[in-house]
């Protein structure tokens, strides 16, 4: 993987009820209505900052952009994803 690269992260859909709890109808209903459970986390990696910006722009309220600048470095949150530009 070349550095820096960008990670765009968002959540979508609902988690399914675990198989061992599907027999309990009350728990199954709570999963289906969203009272318990959560959402699926989706991550996309891209080399291009413009592509990361375009992915972020599809749903600005639900998406986060991270950058990994070098090997053995943690991902850093991009505070202003609308300012991402192609670097030379």
C-alpha atoms as a PDB file:
ATOM      1  CA  UNK A   1       0.000   0.000   0.000  1.00  0.00           C
ATOM      2  CA  UNK A   2       1.292   3.430  -0.941  1.00  0.00           C
ATOM      3  CA  UNK A   3       1.172   6.280   1.542  1.00  0.00           C
ATOM      4  CA  UNK A   4      -0.705   8.449   2.257  1.00  0.00           C
ATOM      5  CA  UNK A   5      -4.015   6.689   1.775  1.00  0.00           C
ATOM      6  CA  UNK A   6      -7.502   7.649   2.874  1.00  0.00           C
ATOM      7  CA  UNK A   7     -10.196   5.687   4.669  1.00  0.00           C
ATOM      8  CA  UNK A   8     -13.847   6.739   4.364  1.00  0.00           C
ATOM      9  CA  UNK A   9     -16.079   5.230   7.038  1.00  0.00           C
ATOM     10  CA  UNK A  10     -19.857   5.177   7.443  1.00  0.00           C
ATOM     11  CA  UNK A  11     -22.630   3.090   8.960  1.00  0.00           C
ATOM     12  CA  UNK A  12     -25.575   1.602   7.125  1.00  0.00           C
ATOM     13  CA  UNK A  13     -28.325  -0.955   7.555  1.00  0.00           C
ATOM     14  CA  UNK A  14     -29.176  -2.839  10.707  1.00  0.00           C
ATOM     15  CA  UNK A  15     -27.401  -5.747  12.335  1.00  0.00           C
ATOM     16  CA  UNK A  16     -29.319  -8.999  12.183  1.00  0.00           C
ATOM     17  CA  UNK A  17     -30.617 -10.707  15.287  1.00  0.00           C
ATOM     18  CA  UNK A  18     -28.155 -13.405  16.481  1.00  0.00           C
ATOM     19  CA  UNK A  19     -29.328 -16.947  15.663  1.00  0.00           C
ATOM     20  CA  UNK A  20     -29.476 -18.066  19.280  1.00  0.00           C
ATOM     21  CA  UNK A  21     -31.886 -15.204  20.127  1.00  0.00           C
ATOM     22  CA  UNK A  22     -34.255 -15.568  17.164  1.00  0.00           C
ATOM     23  CA  UNK A  23     -36.349 -18.069  19.078  1.00  0.00           C
ATOM     24  CA  UNK A  24     -37.310 -15.353  21.573  1.00  0.00           C
ATOM     25  CA  UNK A  25     -39.907 -13.350  19.663  1.00  0.00           C
ATOM     26  CA  UNK A  26     -39.641 -10.265  21.908  1.00  0.00           C
ATOM     27  CA  UNK A  27     -35.884  -9.964  21.319  1.00  0.00           C
ATOM     28  CA  UNK A  28     -36.325 -10.556  17.574  1.00  0.00           C
ATOM     29  CA  UNK A  29     -38.918  -7.746  17.400  1.00  0.00           C
ATOM     30  CA  UNK A  30     -36.605  -5.370  19.284  1.00  0.00           C
ATOM     31  CA  UNK A  31     -33.796  -6.030  16.759  1.00  0.00           C
ATOM     32  CA  UNK A  32     -36.164  -5.447  13.829  1.00  0.00           C
ATOM     33  CA  UNK A  33     -37.500  -2.167  15.235  1.00  0.00           C
ATOM     34  CA  UNK A  34     -34.044  -0.901  16.205  1.00  0.00           C
ATOM     35  CA  UNK A  35     -34.541  -0.750  19.953  1.00  0.00           C
ATOM     36  CA  UNK A  36     -31.508  -2.982  20.472  1.00  0.00           C
ATOM     37  CA  UNK A  37     -28.658  -3.882  18.132  1.00  0.00           C
ATOM     38  CA  UNK A  38     -26.681  -1.529  15.972  1.00  0.00           C
ATOM     39  CA  UNK A  39     -25.637  -0.655  12.448  1.00  0.00           C
ATOM     40  CA  UNK A  40     -23.055  -2.131  10.074  1.00  0.00           C
ATOM     41  CA  UNK A  41     -19.796  -0.211   9.779  1.00  0.00           C
ATOM     42  CA  UNK A  42     -18.465   0.118   6.210  1.00  0.00           C
ATOM     43  CA  UNK A  43     -14.926   1.258   5.327  1.00  0.00           C
ATOM     44  CA  UNK A  44     -13.453   2.072   1.907  1.00  0.00           C
ATOM     45  CA  UNK A  45      -9.754   2.712   1.271  1.00  0.00           C
ATOM     46  CA  UNK A  46      -8.581   4.947  -1.529  1.00  0.00           C
ATOM     47  CA  UNK A  47      -5.308   6.482  -2.657  1.00  0.00           C
ATOM     48  CA  UNK A  48      -6.844   9.612  -4.125  1.00  0.00           C
ATOM     49  CA  UNK A  49      -7.942  12.505  -1.902  1.00  0.00           C
ATOM     50  CA  UNK A  50     -10.461  13.605  -4.530  1.00  0.00           C
ATOM     51  CA  UNK A  51     -12.086  10.168  -4.482  1.00  0.00           C
ATOM     52  CA  UNK A  52     -12.208  10.300  -0.669  1.00  0.00           C
ATOM     53  CA  UNK A  53     -13.805  13.728  -0.904  1.00  0.00           C
ATOM     54  CA  UNK A  54     -16.406  12.431  -3.392  1.00  0.00           C
ATOM     55  CA  UNK A  55     -17.255   9.456  -1.141  1.00  0.00           C
ATOM     56  CA  UNK A  56     -17.611  11.796   1.828  1.00  0.00           C
ATOM     57  CA  UNK A  57     -19.838  14.201  -0.153  1.00  0.00           C
ATOM     58  CA  UNK A  58     -22.455  11.486  -0.829  1.00  0.00           C
ATOM     59  CA  UNK A  59     -23.636  11.627   2.792  1.00  0.00           C
ATOM     60  CA  UNK A  60     -21.798  14.311   4.754  1.00  0.00           C
ATOM     61  CA  UNK A  61     -23.608  13.793   8.054  1.00  0.00           C
ATOM     62  CA  UNK A  62     -22.916  10.048   8.255  1.00  0.00           C
ATOM     63  CA  UNK A  63     -19.333   9.746   6.928  1.00  0.00           C
ATOM     64  CA  UNK A  64     -15.863  10.303   8.346  1.00  0.00           C
ATOM     65  CA  UNK A  65     -12.570  10.554   6.480  1.00  0.00           C
ATOM     66  CA  UNK A  66      -9.261   9.366   7.941  1.00  0.00           C
ATOM     67  CA  UNK A  67      -5.747   9.628   6.532  1.00  0.00           C
ATOM     68  CA  UNK A  68      -2.833   7.253   7.137  1.00  0.00           C
ATOM     69  CA  UNK A  69       0.304   9.262   6.394  1.00  0.00           C
ATOM     70  CA  UNK A  70       3.058   6.679   6.812  1.00  0.00           C
ATOM     71  CA  UNK A  71       3.782   3.101   7.748  1.00  0.00           C
ATOM     72  CA  UNK A  72       3.269   2.285  11.461  1.00  0.00           C
ATOM     73  CA  UNK A  73       1.191   5.431  11.987  1.00  0.00           C
ATOM     74  CA  UNK A  74      -2.345   5.558  13.321  1.00  0.00           C
ATOM     75  CA  UNK A  75      -5.166   6.870  11.189  1.00  0.00           C
ATOM     76  CA  UNK A  76      -5.915  10.535  11.755  1.00  0.00           C
ATOM     77  CA  UNK A  77      -9.335  12.102  11.383  1.00  0.00           C
ATOM     78  CA  UNK A  78      -9.505  14.687   8.604  1.00  0.00           C
ATOM     79  CA  UNK A  79     -11.171  17.696  10.231  1.00  0.00           C
ATOM     80  CA  UNK A  80     -12.060  19.466   6.966  1.00  0.00           C
ATOM     81  CA  UNK A  81     -12.734  16.844   4.292  1.00  0.00           C
ATOM     82  CA  UNK A  82     -14.166  19.461   1.923  1.00  0.00           C
ATOM     83  CA  UNK A  83     -10.640  20.898   1.592  1.00  0.00           C
ATOM     84  CA  UNK A  84      -8.989  17.656   0.403  1.00  0.00           C
ATOM     85  CA  UNK A  85      -6.863  18.305  -2.684  1.00  0.00           C
ATOM     86  CA  UNK A  86      -4.661  16.251  -4.951  1.00  0.00           C
ATOM     87  CA  UNK A  87      -0.981  16.546  -3.903  1.00  0.00           C
ATOM     88  CA  UNK A  88       1.914  16.402  -6.341  1.00  0.00           C
END
